[in-house]
Every structure is written in C-alpha cells, then in structure tokens.
Amino acid sequence: MRLVAIFFSFSIIFFGCSSNKFTRDVDYEAEYEKGKLALSNKKYVRAQDHFNTVVIGASHTELGDDALFYLGETYFYMGDKLLAISEYDKLIRRMSFSPYVERARYRICESYVTLSPKYFRDQTYSEKAIEKLQEFIDDYPNSDNREEAQKNIEILKYLIARMIYTDGLNTLFAFGGIYAAGSFGFSLSEIILFGIAINLTAGLGAALFASVDDVIGPKKTILTSLLALSILGICLVIVDSKTLFWAFGLALGIFVGPAQSASRSLMARLAPKESRAEMFGLYAFSGKATAFLGPAILGVVTDTLESQRAGVATIIIFFVVGGIALYFIKEPVRSR
C-alpha cells in the first residue's frame, strides 16, 4: 500500500512538472503572430484561439496585453460588440499605458454607436455612446479620431431628436382621422378626402421648402416646420368648426413634408461619406425606435381625461421636445 502511495505521489509530481514544462515551452511570440495572421485573413475564431493562448499564458506581460487588444478586435469584426467592449475594457484597466489604449477606447465608442439602435426600447447604449465619445475627445484632444468622434456625437444626438419628433408625426398620421371623426363628426368619405388633400399639401410644402433648405440649411428648416406644426396643432385642438379644422389641417400638411425631407438632408450632411450607407440604416431604424410611445401616451391621456382633444395635444409635446433637442445639434457647414 505504501508503494502505491509513493508511486501515485511520484506520478503527480512528474506529470505536474511535465505540464509546467510544456506551458513554459509554448512560443507565445509565434502564437501572437499566428493570431495576427489569422485576423488579417478574417479567420476570427482561429485568431481567438491563438490570442487566448497568449492572454492566458503570458498574462500581465506586454505581449499578453497586446494580444488582449487583438482578441477584442476579433470580436469587434465578428459583430460581437459587447464581448469586444469587455476585452478592450480589460486592457484599459490592466495596462493603462499600453500603446493600444487609445485605439481600444475608440473601439468601445464605435461599438456603443453600433449597439445604440439595436436596443430600440432602451436608449442606454445611445447615451453610453455619447458619454464614451465625449470622454475620448476630452482625453485625446489631438487624436486622429477626434473629428470622427465629434461627428458621431452629433449624429447620435440628432437621431434621438428625430426619433422624438418623428414619433409625433407618426402619431398624427395614425390618429388624425380618428380625431376628425370623433371630435368633428367627419364621415368616412370626408376622412378619405381630407387624407388625400393633406398629402397633396405635404408634397407641395416639400417642393416649396426645397429652395429654403438650400438657403437656410436643413436644421433651421426642420425647426421652422416643427414650430409651425406646434402652433397649428394647438389651433386644431382648440377650434370647434369643421371649416377651421380643414383650414388648419391643410396648413399643417404644408409643414409635414419639409420636416421629413429636411431630416434626410440633415442626415446626409452629418454622416461621414465613408459610412453614409451605414448611418442612413441607423436613420431608418431610429424612425421606428419608439413608434409605440406616441400612440400609448395619446391613448392613456385620452382614456384618463376622457377627451380626444387632450390626447391629441400630447402630439405637440413631441414636436416641442424634439425641436429643443435638435436646437443644440451642431449643423456642419455645407461643402460646395
């Protein structure tokens, strides 16, 4: 029995030493280079294996920290932004003086910008993206990425502003006919006729304001439209006459078109040329981000106060809040 115990103990010591010897014999430089080669060839899973070997085996060394950055890169290019953020954050906390820290921090910014529209019922990632971008600008004022970071901040702010006032427009389109029927006694044929008429005035307004957009810029065009929509919206809530409803309703349609067309124009100015297609994808998504919110608030207020007028008045709040948010966005100078 004693011989068995001695043999067992010897085996543990022998194989333990062999295992340590094997670990020490790993060429981490070679693994690191293999990882970079796999990354450049877009073999992301294979690159992760190589970089993980270095990160674990050469932890808290310069090589290990460099591998940690590139491990984050593999997740970034695979589209796993949250995992990428986690790896970049580890590098920043472990090795604050690494030459890759600036790049890691900007990658975190880019990741949050990409994540912001996906979680459309929760704007935490949009807010986080703005926060991280501003921190990056403050800490690296001379960075090559500073200008792009500032542009991304303005784009995110604009998308949030547009999301708010577009929700007001969508709610107006969805419940305008119901309001006309319930508060002014419109028949079905009158609602259809009013819908056609307001679409015509919206198209006319977009055409007329096209030249105005060129002169004063899309931001001022949107602000002017939102101001007019708010004033005319108040008139529509106050009036009792069907004739006045027609008059103010058609006048309101004139400013719906410019608000929409100028929004696209402003996005084109804000978006960098190299990522314009991607940014317009975010733009399209932001218009649907809180589509549930306007109708929900209108429904709750209407039901609580038992008044369609009070419910429709909530739409004006979206125009006002969206306009205020838009006011603080820096509009880039138009390139000629």
Protein backbone atom coordinates (compact mmCIF):
# COMPACT_ATOMS: atom_id res chain seq x y z
CA MET A 1 0.00 0.00 0.00
CA ARG A 2 2.88 2.34 0.84
CA LEU A 3 4.44 1.58 -2.57
CA VAL A 4 1.17 2.52 -4.30
CA ALA A 5 1.04 5.82 -2.41
CA ILE A 6 4.65 6.60 -3.28
CA PHE A 7 4.04 5.76 -6.93
CA PHE A 8 0.92 7.92 -7.03
CA SER A 9 2.71 10.88 -5.47
CA PHE A 10 5.65 10.50 -7.87
CA SER A 11 3.23 10.43 -10.83
CA ILE A 12 1.58 13.67 -9.75
CA ILE A 13 4.94 15.40 -9.32
CA PHE A 14 6.26 14.06 -12.63
CA PHE A 15 3.25 14.95 -14.73
CA GLY A 16 2.84 18.27 -12.94
CA CYS A 17 6.40 19.21 -13.79
CA SER A 18 5.90 17.96 -17.33
CA SER A 19 2.81 20.12 -17.66
CA ASN A 20 4.64 23.20 -16.38
CA LYS A 21 7.50 22.48 -18.73
CA PHE A 22 5.03 22.22 -21.61
CA THR A 23 3.44 25.55 -20.67
CA ARG A 24 6.81 27.23 -20.47
CA ASP A 25 7.80 25.80 -23.85
CA VAL A 26 4.90 27.47 -25.66
CA ASP A 27 6.24 30.08 -28.08
CA TYR A 28 3.91 32.96 -27.27
CA GLU A 29 5.54 35.23 -29.82
CA ALA A 30 4.73 32.68 -32.51
CA GLU A 31 1.16 32.28 -31.22
CA TYR A 32 0.75 36.06 -31.26
CA GLU A 33 1.95 36.31 -34.87
CA LYS A 34 -0.27 33.39 -35.90
CA GLY A 35 -3.20 35.21 -34.32
CA LYS A 36 -2.46 38.43 -36.21
CA LEU A 37 -2.13 36.50 -39.47
CA ALA A 38 -5.46 34.75 -38.89
CA LEU A 39 -7.06 38.09 -38.04
CA SER A 40 -5.77 39.70 -41.23
CA ASN A 41 -7.20 36.74 -43.17
CA LYS A 42 -10.55 37.14 -41.39
CA LYS A 43 -10.21 33.76 -39.65
CA TYR A 44 -11.59 35.22 -36.47
CA VAL A 45 -12.28 32.04 -34.49
CA ARG A 46 -8.80 30.70 -35.24
CA ALA A 47 -7.31 34.08 -34.27
CA GLN A 48 -9.22 33.94 -30.98
CA ASP A 49 -7.62 30.58 -30.16
CA HIS A 50 -4.12 31.95 -30.71
CA PHE A 51 -4.72 35.21 -28.83
CA ASN A 52 -6.41 33.42 -25.93
CA THR A 53 -3.34 31.21 -25.59
CA VAL A 54 -1.16 34.29 -25.27
CA VAL A 55 -3.56 36.17 -22.99
CA ILE A 56 -3.78 33.23 -20.57
CA GLY A 57 -0.19 32.02 -20.73
CA ALA A 58 1.52 35.42 -20.92
CA SER A 59 -0.88 37.30 -18.66
CA HIS A 60 0.24 40.72 -17.35
CA THR A 61 3.07 40.97 -19.85
CA GLU A 62 3.34 43.45 -22.68
CA LEU A 63 2.77 40.66 -25.19
CA GLY A 64 -0.26 39.39 -23.28
CA ASP A 65 -1.80 42.86 -23.15
CA ASP A 66 -1.23 43.37 -26.86
CA ALA A 67 -2.91 40.03 -27.51
CA LEU A 68 -5.84 41.19 -25.37
CA PHE A 69 -6.39 44.15 -27.68
CA TYR A 70 -6.38 41.94 -30.76
CA LEU A 71 -8.69 39.47 -29.06
CA GLY A 72 -11.11 42.38 -28.74
CA GLU A 73 -10.57 43.11 -32.43
CA THR A 74 -11.70 39.59 -33.39
CA TYR A 75 -14.97 40.07 -31.52
CA PHE A 76 -15.37 43.57 -32.97
CA TYR A 77 -15.08 42.36 -36.57
CA MET A 78 -17.32 39.35 -35.88
CA GLY A 79 -20.03 41.75 -34.71
CA ASP A 80 -19.97 40.67 -31.04
CA LYS A 81 -19.69 44.26 -29.81
CA LEU A 82 -20.42 43.56 -26.16
CA LEU A 83 -17.67 40.90 -25.97
CA ALA A 84 -15.34 43.28 -27.79
CA ILE A 85 -16.10 46.02 -25.25
CA SER A 86 -15.32 43.58 -22.44
CA GLU A 87 -11.88 42.72 -23.84
CA TYR A 88 -10.99 46.33 -24.60
CA ASP A 89 -12.04 47.33 -21.11
CA LYS A 90 -9.80 44.65 -19.59
CA LEU A 91 -6.84 46.08 -21.48
CA ILE A 92 -7.61 49.63 -20.35
CA ARG A 93 -7.86 48.57 -16.71
CA ARG A 94 -4.83 46.26 -16.74
CA MET A 95 -2.42 48.28 -18.84
CA SER A 96 -3.38 51.94 -18.86
CA PHE A 97 -0.09 52.90 -20.55
CA SER A 98 -0.39 50.40 -23.41
CA PRO A 99 0.02 51.96 -26.87
CA TYR A 100 -3.27 50.27 -27.76
CA VAL A 101 -5.35 52.03 -25.09
CA GLU A 102 -6.36 54.96 -27.31
CA ARG A 103 -7.47 52.60 -30.08
CA ALA A 104 -9.26 50.38 -27.57
CA ARG A 105 -11.18 53.31 -26.15
CA TYR A 106 -12.27 54.48 -29.59
CA ARG A 107 -13.31 50.92 -30.45
CA ILE A 108 -15.53 50.99 -27.37
CA CYS A 109 -17.09 54.21 -28.69
CA GLU A 110 -17.68 52.64 -32.11
CA SER A 111 -19.19 49.55 -30.51
CA TYR A 112 -21.70 51.57 -28.50
CA VAL A 113 -22.61 53.61 -31.60
CA THR A 114 -23.35 50.34 -33.42
CA LEU A 115 -25.33 48.96 -30.48
CA SER A 116 -27.42 52.10 -29.93
CA PRO A 117 -30.22 51.46 -32.47
CA LYS A 118 -30.49 47.72 -31.83
CA TYR A 119 -31.88 48.04 -28.35
CA PHE A 120 -34.55 50.41 -29.54
CA ARG A 121 -36.78 50.25 -26.47
CA ASP A 122 -33.89 51.27 -24.23
CA GLN A 123 -31.65 54.20 -25.16
CA THR A 124 -28.95 53.23 -22.62
CA TYR A 125 -26.48 52.37 -25.37
CA SER A 126 -27.08 55.64 -27.22
CA GLU A 127 -26.43 57.57 -24.02
CA LYS A 128 -23.39 55.39 -23.28
CA ALA A 129 -22.03 56.00 -26.78
CA ILE A 130 -22.32 59.78 -26.37
CA GLU A 131 -20.69 59.59 -22.94
CA LYS A 132 -17.77 57.47 -24.15
CA LEU A 133 -17.23 59.59 -27.25
CA GLN A 134 -17.12 62.77 -25.18
CA GLU A 135 -14.68 61.18 -22.73
CA PHE A 136 -12.49 60.14 -25.67
CA ILE A 137 -12.47 63.68 -27.08
CA ASP A 138 -11.62 65.14 -23.66
CA ASP A 139 -8.77 62.66 -23.03
CA TYR A 140 -7.35 62.61 -26.57
CA PRO A 141 -7.88 66.12 -27.99
CA ASN A 142 -5.16 65.59 -30.61
CA SER A 143 -6.27 62.13 -31.72
CA ASP A 144 -6.75 61.39 -35.41
CA ASN A 145 -10.19 60.05 -34.46
CA ARG A 146 -11.28 63.22 -32.66
CA GLU A 147 -13.16 64.73 -35.61
CA GLU A 148 -14.95 61.47 -36.36
CA ALA A 149 -15.85 61.09 -32.66
CA GLN A 150 -17.38 64.58 -32.63
CA LYS A 151 -19.39 63.78 -35.75
CA ASN A 152 -20.69 60.58 -34.17
CA ILE A 153 -21.83 62.52 -31.10
CA GLU A 154 -23.82 64.93 -33.25
CA ILE A 155 -25.30 62.06 -35.27
CA LEU A 156 -26.44 60.23 -32.13
CA LYS A 157 -27.94 63.41 -30.69
CA TYR A 158 -29.72 64.06 -33.98
CA LEU A 159 -31.10 60.51 -34.17
CA ILE A 160 -32.53 60.86 -30.67
CA ALA A 161 -34.09 64.25 -31.55
CA ARG A 162 -35.50 62.91 -34.80
CA MET A 163 -36.84 59.84 -33.02
CA ILE A 164 -38.87 62.13 -30.76
CA TYR A 165 -40.44 64.46 -33.32
CA THR A 166 -40.96 61.65 -35.85
CA ASP A 167 -42.94 59.81 -33.21
CA GLY A 168 -45.18 62.87 -33.06
CA LEU A 169 -45.61 62.84 -36.83
CA ASN A 170 -46.38 59.12 -36.91
CA THR A 171 -48.96 59.51 -34.14
CA LEU A 172 -50.53 62.42 -36.02
CA PHE A 173 -50.86 60.29 -39.16
CA ALA A 174 -52.27 57.33 -37.24
CA PHE A 175 -54.87 59.20 -35.15
CA GLY A 176 -55.69 62.26 -37.26
CA GLY A 177 -58.60 60.54 -38.94
CA ILE A 178 -59.94 59.19 -35.64
CA TYR A 179 -59.76 62.69 -34.15
CA ALA A 180 -61.56 64.18 -37.15
CA ALA A 181 -64.35 61.61 -36.89
CA GLY A 182 -64.72 61.69 -33.11
CA SER A 183 -64.42 65.43 -32.46
CA PHE A 184 -65.69 66.97 -35.71
CA GLY A 185 -68.09 64.34 -37.00
CA PHE A 186 -66.24 63.57 -40.24
CA SER A 187 -67.78 60.82 -42.34
CA LEU A 188 -65.64 58.08 -43.89
CA SER A 189 -65.71 59.80 -47.30
CA GLU A 190 -64.70 63.12 -45.71
CA ILE A 191 -61.79 61.45 -43.89
CA ILE A 192 -60.56 59.91 -47.15
CA LEU A 193 -60.88 63.25 -48.93
CA PHE A 194 -59.06 65.03 -46.09
CA GLY A 195 -56.27 62.42 -46.20
CA ILE A 196 -55.78 62.97 -49.93
CA ALA A 197 -55.79 66.75 -49.51
CA ILE A 198 -53.27 66.79 -46.67
CA ASN A 199 -50.92 64.54 -48.66
CA LEU A 200 -51.10 66.97 -51.55
CA THR A 201 -50.27 69.92 -49.30
CA ALA A 202 -47.41 67.92 -47.74
CA GLY A 203 -45.93 67.32 -51.19
CA LEU A 204 -46.41 70.97 -52.09
CA GLY A 205 -44.68 72.02 -48.88
CA ALA A 206 -41.72 69.73 -49.52
CA ALA A 207 -41.31 71.21 -53.01
CA LEU A 208 -41.61 74.82 -51.82
CA PHE A 209 -39.21 74.36 -48.92
CA ALA A 210 -36.55 72.64 -51.05
CA SER A 211 -35.09 76.01 -52.00
CA VAL A 212 -35.49 77.25 -48.42
CA ASP A 213 -33.44 74.26 -47.26
CA ASP A 214 -30.65 75.30 -49.65
CA VAL A 215 -30.63 78.84 -48.27
CA ILE A 216 -31.03 78.46 -44.50
CA GLY A 217 -29.99 74.82 -44.11
CA PRO A 218 -31.92 71.69 -43.10
CA LYS A 219 -31.69 72.25 -39.34
CA LYS A 220 -33.43 75.63 -39.48
CA THR A 221 -35.92 74.21 -41.97
CA ILE A 222 -36.85 71.42 -39.54
CA LEU A 223 -37.05 73.82 -36.59
CA THR A 224 -39.30 76.16 -38.59
CA SER A 225 -41.52 73.24 -39.58
CA LEU A 226 -41.75 71.94 -36.00
CA LEU A 227 -42.65 75.40 -34.73
CA ALA A 228 -45.39 75.73 -37.35
CA LEU A 229 -46.63 72.19 -36.61
CA SER A 230 -46.82 73.01 -32.91
CA ILE A 231 -48.76 76.26 -33.46
CA LEU A 232 -51.16 74.72 -35.98
CA GLY A 233 -51.53 71.67 -33.75
CA ILE A 234 -52.67 73.90 -30.89
CA CYS A 235 -55.18 75.54 -33.26
CA LEU A 236 -56.57 72.13 -34.24
CA VAL A 237 -57.03 71.23 -30.58
CA ILE A 238 -58.83 74.49 -29.78
CA VAL A 239 -61.17 75.01 -32.77
CA ASP A 240 -64.73 73.62 -32.92
CA SER A 241 -65.61 74.44 -36.52
CA LYS A 242 -65.21 71.79 -39.21
CA THR A 243 -64.27 74.54 -41.68
CA LEU A 244 -61.47 75.77 -39.44
CA PHE A 245 -60.31 72.18 -38.96
CA TRP A 246 -59.98 71.87 -42.72
CA ALA A 247 -58.10 75.17 -42.95
CA PHE A 248 -55.64 74.50 -40.15
CA GLY A 249 -55.29 70.84 -41.10
CA LEU A 250 -54.30 71.58 -44.69
CA ALA A 251 -51.94 74.33 -43.49
CA LEU A 252 -50.36 71.82 -41.11
CA GLY A 253 -49.78 69.45 -44.05
CA ILE A 254 -47.60 72.06 -45.74
CA PHE A 255 -45.02 71.71 -42.93
CA VAL A 256 -45.13 67.91 -42.66
CA GLY A 257 -43.30 67.44 -45.97
CA PRO A 258 -40.40 69.82 -45.18
CA ALA A 259 -39.91 68.26 -41.72
CA GLN A 260 -39.42 64.85 -43.35
CA SER A 261 -37.38 65.88 -46.40
CA ALA A 262 -35.11 68.24 -44.45
CA SER A 263 -34.48 65.45 -41.92
CA ARG A 264 -32.93 63.32 -44.65
CA SER A 265 -30.96 66.32 -45.89
CA LEU A 266 -29.52 66.96 -42.42
CA MET A 267 -28.57 63.30 -42.05
CA ALA A 268 -26.69 63.49 -45.34
CA ARG A 269 -24.69 66.46 -44.02
CA LEU A 270 -23.94 64.87 -40.66
CA ALA A 271 -22.95 61.40 -41.90
CA PRO A 272 -19.31 60.88 -42.98
CA LYS A 273 -19.02 59.95 -46.66
CA GLU A 274 -17.27 56.65 -45.93
CA SER A 275 -20.08 55.44 -43.63
CA ARG A 276 -23.08 57.21 -45.14
CA ALA A 277 -24.90 53.99 -46.06
CA GLU A 278 -24.49 52.63 -42.53
CA MET A 279 -25.66 55.89 -40.97
CA PHE A 280 -28.76 56.01 -43.12
CA GLY A 281 -29.51 52.50 -41.91
CA LEU A 282 -29.42 53.83 -38.34
CA TYR A 283 -31.53 56.79 -39.52
CA ALA A 284 -34.22 54.49 -40.91
CA PHE A 285 -34.22 52.41 -37.75
CA SER A 286 -34.42 55.39 -35.40
CA GLY A 287 -37.68 56.44 -37.04
CA LYS A 288 -39.25 53.23 -35.77
CA ALA A 289 -37.48 53.10 -32.43
CA THR A 290 -40.24 54.50 -30.23
CA ALA A 291 -43.19 54.13 -32.60
CA PHE A 292 -45.21 52.67 -29.72
CA LEU A 293 -44.67 55.63 -27.39
CA GLY A 294 -46.79 58.34 -29.07
CA PRO A 295 -49.92 56.20 -29.50
CA ALA A 296 -49.52 54.81 -25.98
CA ILE A 297 -49.34 58.27 -24.38
CA LEU A 298 -52.18 59.57 -26.53
CA GLY A 299 -54.33 56.58 -25.58
CA VAL A 300 -53.61 56.87 -21.86
CA VAL A 301 -54.31 60.63 -21.76
CA THR A 302 -57.48 60.27 -23.85
CA ASP A 303 -58.78 57.48 -21.63
CA THR A 304 -57.79 59.19 -18.36
CA LEU A 305 -59.25 62.61 -19.22
CA GLU A 306 -61.99 61.20 -21.45
CA SER A 307 -61.07 63.77 -24.10
CA GLN A 308 -59.75 63.25 -27.61
CA ARG A 309 -58.53 66.83 -27.67
CA ALA A 310 -56.35 66.27 -24.60
CA GLY A 311 -54.93 63.12 -26.17
CA VAL A 312 -54.12 64.83 -29.48
CA ALA A 313 -52.48 67.69 -27.55
CA THR A 314 -49.76 65.23 -26.43
CA ILE A 315 -48.52 65.11 -30.04
CA ILE A 316 -47.47 68.75 -29.72
CA ILE A 317 -45.20 67.79 -26.82
CA PHE A 318 -43.22 65.50 -29.14
CA PHE A 319 -42.74 68.37 -31.61
CA VAL A 320 -41.58 70.75 -28.88
CA VAL A 321 -39.22 68.31 -27.13
CA GLY A 322 -37.81 67.07 -30.44
CA GLY A 323 -37.26 70.65 -31.59
CA ILE A 324 -35.45 71.58 -28.38
CA ALA A 325 -33.17 68.55 -28.70
CA LEU A 326 -32.48 69.42 -32.34
CA TYR A 327 -31.67 73.05 -31.50
CA PHE A 328 -28.48 72.07 -29.64
CA ILE A 329 -27.06 69.98 -32.50
CA LYS A 330 -24.20 71.49 -34.45
CA GLU A 331 -25.00 71.54 -38.14
CA PRO A 332 -21.90 71.08 -40.34
CA VAL A 333 -21.16 73.68 -42.97
CA ARG A 334 -22.30 72.54 -46.37
CA SER A 335 -19.41 71.59 -48.66
CA ARG A 336 -19.57 73.17 -52.09
